[in-house]
């Protein structure tokens, strides 16, 4: 399971995030639930390749993990970069 952050992941944010600080801040909390960060350069917003990915994972496990990932990402975005 992986969470992909592209260069345009935070376009329009108003809290001072850069894709690099966002990816680095997410690294530890997502690792704690078994999701690794992949920081890729380029435009990814319009592709299916940004955000949470879990190929070959059963739907119920995917949904449960997605809920955890969304909660972590939302909490990190609310507090801004450290």
N, C-alpha and C. Protein backbone atom coordinates (compact mmCIF):
# COMPACT_ATOMS: atom_id res chain seq x y z
N UNK A 1 0.84 -1.17 0.00
CA UNK A 1 0.00 0.00 0.00
C UNK A 1 0.88 1.23 0.00
N UNK A 2 0.46 2.21 -0.79
CA UNK A 2 1.28 3.40 -0.98
C UNK A 2 0.39 4.63 -1.11
N UNK A 3 0.93 5.77 -0.67
CA UNK A 3 0.27 7.06 -0.87
C UNK A 3 1.21 7.88 -1.73
N UNK A 4 0.75 8.27 -2.92
CA UNK A 4 1.58 8.96 -3.90
C UNK A 4 1.33 10.46 -3.83
N UNK A 5 2.42 11.23 -3.74
CA UNK A 5 2.34 12.68 -3.73
C UNK A 5 3.09 13.22 -4.95
N UNK A 6 2.35 13.86 -5.87
CA UNK A 6 2.94 14.50 -7.05
C UNK A 6 3.19 15.98 -6.76
N UNK A 7 3.88 16.65 -7.68
CA UNK A 7 4.19 18.08 -7.53
C UNK A 7 2.94 18.93 -7.39
N UNK A 8 1.86 18.55 -8.03
CA UNK A 8 0.64 19.37 -8.01
C UNK A 8 -0.38 18.91 -6.97
N UNK A 9 0.04 18.08 -6.04
CA UNK A 9 -0.89 17.51 -5.06
C UNK A 9 -1.57 18.57 -4.20
N UNK A 10 -0.90 19.65 -3.94
CA UNK A 10 -1.44 20.66 -3.02
C UNK A 10 -1.68 22.00 -3.70
N UNK A 11 -1.87 21.97 -5.00
CA UNK A 11 -2.10 23.22 -5.73
C UNK A 11 -3.29 23.96 -5.13
N UNK A 12 -3.10 25.23 -4.84
CA UNK A 12 -4.16 26.04 -4.28
C UNK A 12 -4.27 25.98 -2.76
N UNK A 13 -3.34 25.29 -2.09
CA UNK A 13 -3.42 25.24 -0.63
C UNK A 13 -3.02 26.59 -0.03
N UNK A 14 -3.54 26.88 1.12
CA UNK A 14 -3.30 28.19 1.75
C UNK A 14 -2.59 28.05 3.10
N UNK A 15 -2.05 26.89 3.38
CA UNK A 15 -1.42 26.67 4.68
C UNK A 15 0.10 26.57 4.60
N UNK A 16 0.67 26.81 3.46
CA UNK A 16 2.13 26.80 3.35
C UNK A 16 2.73 25.44 3.02
N UNK A 17 1.91 24.47 2.67
CA UNK A 17 2.44 23.15 2.32
C UNK A 17 3.15 23.18 0.97
N UNK A 18 4.23 22.45 0.89
CA UNK A 18 4.82 22.10 -0.39
C UNK A 18 4.64 20.59 -0.51
N UNK A 19 4.71 20.04 -1.71
CA UNK A 19 4.59 18.59 -1.83
C UNK A 19 5.64 17.85 -1.01
N UNK A 20 6.85 18.41 -0.91
CA UNK A 20 7.91 17.75 -0.14
C UNK A 20 7.62 17.74 1.36
N UNK A 21 7.17 18.89 1.91
CA UNK A 21 6.87 18.93 3.34
C UNK A 21 5.65 18.07 3.66
N UNK A 22 4.69 18.06 2.76
CA UNK A 22 3.50 17.24 2.94
C UNK A 22 3.88 15.75 2.98
N UNK A 23 4.66 15.30 2.01
CA UNK A 23 5.08 13.90 1.96
C UNK A 23 5.89 13.53 3.19
N UNK A 24 6.81 14.40 3.59
CA UNK A 24 7.66 14.09 4.75
C UNK A 24 6.84 14.04 6.04
N UNK A 25 5.88 14.93 6.18
CA UNK A 25 5.05 14.94 7.38
C UNK A 25 4.15 13.72 7.45
N UNK A 26 3.69 13.24 6.31
CA UNK A 26 2.83 12.05 6.28
C UNK A 26 3.60 10.75 6.48
N UNK A 27 4.90 10.77 6.23
CA UNK A 27 5.70 9.54 6.22
C UNK A 27 5.54 8.69 7.49
N UNK A 28 5.74 9.26 8.64
CA UNK A 28 5.69 8.49 9.89
C UNK A 28 4.28 8.01 10.25
N UNK A 29 3.26 8.89 10.23
CA UNK A 29 1.93 8.39 10.60
C UNK A 29 1.38 7.35 9.63
N UNK A 30 1.68 7.49 8.35
CA UNK A 30 1.20 6.47 7.40
C UNK A 30 1.99 5.17 7.54
N UNK A 31 3.28 5.28 7.82
CA UNK A 31 4.08 4.06 8.03
C UNK A 31 3.56 3.26 9.21
N UNK A 32 3.04 3.96 10.21
CA UNK A 32 2.51 3.28 11.40
C UNK A 32 1.30 2.40 11.07
N UNK A 33 0.61 2.69 9.96
CA UNK A 33 -0.52 1.84 9.56
C UNK A 33 -0.20 1.01 8.32
N UNK A 34 1.08 0.94 7.97
CA UNK A 34 1.51 0.06 6.88
C UNK A 34 1.41 0.66 5.49
N UNK A 35 1.40 1.98 5.39
CA UNK A 35 1.33 2.65 4.09
C UNK A 35 2.60 3.46 3.91
N UNK A 36 3.26 3.29 2.77
CA UNK A 36 4.48 4.04 2.53
C UNK A 36 4.19 5.22 1.61
N UNK A 37 5.05 6.23 1.69
CA UNK A 37 4.93 7.43 0.86
C UNK A 37 5.80 7.27 -0.36
N UNK A 38 5.26 7.67 -1.50
CA UNK A 38 6.04 7.72 -2.73
C UNK A 38 5.92 9.15 -3.25
N UNK A 39 7.02 9.87 -3.30
CA UNK A 39 7.03 11.26 -3.78
C UNK A 39 7.49 11.25 -5.22
N UNK A 40 6.61 11.61 -6.15
CA UNK A 40 6.94 11.62 -7.57
C UNK A 40 6.86 13.02 -8.12
N UNK A 41 7.74 13.32 -9.06
CA UNK A 41 7.74 14.64 -9.68
C UNK A 41 6.91 14.61 -10.95
N UNK A 42 6.30 15.72 -11.25
CA UNK A 42 5.44 15.84 -12.42
C UNK A 42 4.01 16.11 -12.00
N UNK A 43 3.16 16.21 -12.99
CA UNK A 43 1.75 16.50 -12.77
C UNK A 43 1.00 15.19 -12.61
N UNK A 44 0.30 15.03 -11.51
CA UNK A 44 -0.42 13.79 -11.27
C UNK A 44 -1.87 13.98 -10.92
N UNK A 45 -2.30 15.21 -10.72
CA UNK A 45 -3.65 15.50 -10.26
C UNK A 45 -4.71 14.90 -11.18
N UNK A 46 -4.47 14.91 -12.46
CA UNK A 46 -5.48 14.43 -13.40
C UNK A 46 -5.34 12.93 -13.69
N UNK A 47 -4.38 12.27 -13.09
CA UNK A 47 -4.19 10.85 -13.32
C UNK A 47 -4.77 10.05 -12.17
N UNK A 48 -4.92 8.77 -12.39
CA UNK A 48 -5.40 7.89 -11.33
C UNK A 48 -4.26 7.51 -10.40
N UNK A 49 -3.07 8.07 -10.62
CA UNK A 49 -1.90 7.66 -9.87
C UNK A 49 -1.60 8.46 -8.62
N UNK A 50 -2.43 9.45 -8.27
CA UNK A 50 -2.12 10.20 -7.06
C UNK A 50 -2.99 9.72 -5.91
N UNK A 51 -2.54 9.99 -4.68
CA UNK A 51 -3.29 9.58 -3.50
C UNK A 51 -3.03 8.15 -3.09
N UNK A 52 -3.99 7.55 -2.42
CA UNK A 52 -3.85 6.21 -1.86
C UNK A 52 -4.03 5.14 -2.92
N UNK A 53 -3.14 4.14 -2.90
CA UNK A 53 -3.22 3.02 -3.83
C UNK A 53 -2.96 1.72 -3.08
N UNK A 54 -3.76 0.72 -3.41
CA UNK A 54 -3.57 -0.60 -2.80
C UNK A 54 -3.97 -1.66 -3.82
N UNK A 55 -3.09 -1.94 -4.75
CA UNK A 55 -3.37 -2.90 -5.81
C UNK A 55 -3.47 -4.31 -5.26
N UNK A 56 -4.45 -5.06 -5.75
CA UNK A 56 -4.61 -6.45 -5.38
C UNK A 56 -5.12 -6.68 -3.98
N UNK A 57 -5.62 -5.66 -3.35
CA UNK A 57 -6.10 -5.73 -1.98
C UNK A 57 -7.61 -6.01 -2.00
N UNK A 58 -8.12 -6.89 -1.14
CA UNK A 58 -9.56 -7.12 -1.08
C UNK A 58 -10.30 -5.81 -0.76
N UNK A 59 -11.49 -5.67 -1.30
CA UNK A 59 -12.25 -4.43 -1.18
C UNK A 59 -12.48 -4.01 0.27
N UNK A 60 -12.80 -4.95 1.16
CA UNK A 60 -13.07 -4.58 2.55
C UNK A 60 -11.82 -4.06 3.25
N UNK A 61 -10.69 -4.65 2.95
CA UNK A 61 -9.43 -4.19 3.54
C UNK A 61 -9.06 -2.83 2.96
N UNK A 62 -9.25 -2.67 1.65
CA UNK A 62 -8.97 -1.39 1.00
C UNK A 62 -9.80 -0.28 1.64
N UNK A 63 -11.09 -0.51 1.80
CA UNK A 63 -11.97 0.52 2.37
C UNK A 63 -11.57 0.90 3.79
N UNK A 64 -11.24 -0.10 4.60
CA UNK A 64 -10.83 0.17 5.98
C UNK A 64 -9.53 0.97 6.01
N UNK A 65 -8.58 0.59 5.18
CA UNK A 65 -7.29 1.30 5.14
C UNK A 65 -7.48 2.71 4.58
N UNK A 66 -8.34 2.85 3.57
CA UNK A 66 -8.61 4.16 2.99
C UNK A 66 -9.19 5.11 4.05
N UNK A 67 -10.08 4.61 4.89
CA UNK A 67 -10.64 5.43 5.97
C UNK A 67 -9.54 5.92 6.90
N UNK A 68 -8.60 5.03 7.24
CA UNK A 68 -7.49 5.41 8.12
C UNK A 68 -6.60 6.46 7.45
N UNK A 69 -6.29 6.23 6.18
CA UNK A 69 -5.42 7.15 5.44
C UNK A 69 -6.08 8.53 5.34
N UNK A 70 -7.36 8.56 5.00
CA UNK A 70 -8.06 9.84 4.88
C UNK A 70 -8.08 10.60 6.21
N UNK A 71 -8.26 9.90 7.30
CA UNK A 71 -8.27 10.56 8.61
C UNK A 71 -6.90 11.17 8.92
N UNK A 72 -5.84 10.45 8.61
CA UNK A 72 -4.48 10.96 8.86
C UNK A 72 -4.19 12.15 7.96
N UNK A 73 -4.50 12.04 6.67
CA UNK A 73 -4.24 13.13 5.74
C UNK A 73 -5.03 14.37 6.13
N UNK A 74 -6.28 14.21 6.48
CA UNK A 74 -7.10 15.35 6.90
C UNK A 74 -6.53 16.02 8.15
N UNK A 75 -6.09 15.23 9.12
CA UNK A 75 -5.52 15.79 10.34
C UNK A 75 -4.24 16.55 10.04
N UNK A 76 -3.38 16.00 9.20
CA UNK A 76 -2.13 16.66 8.85
C UNK A 76 -2.42 17.97 8.10
N UNK A 77 -3.36 17.94 7.16
CA UNK A 77 -3.68 19.16 6.41
C UNK A 77 -4.26 20.25 7.30
N UNK A 78 -5.03 19.88 8.30
CA UNK A 78 -5.63 20.86 9.21
C UNK A 78 -4.59 21.60 10.02
N UNK A 79 -3.49 20.92 10.38
CA UNK A 79 -2.51 21.52 11.27
C UNK A 79 -1.38 22.25 10.55
N UNK A 80 -1.23 22.06 9.27
CA UNK A 80 -0.18 22.75 8.52
C UNK A 80 1.18 22.13 8.76
N UNK A 81 2.17 22.55 7.98
CA UNK A 81 3.50 21.96 8.09
C UNK A 81 4.17 22.31 9.42
N UNK A 82 5.03 21.41 9.85
CA UNK A 82 5.76 21.61 11.10
C UNK A 82 7.14 22.14 10.82
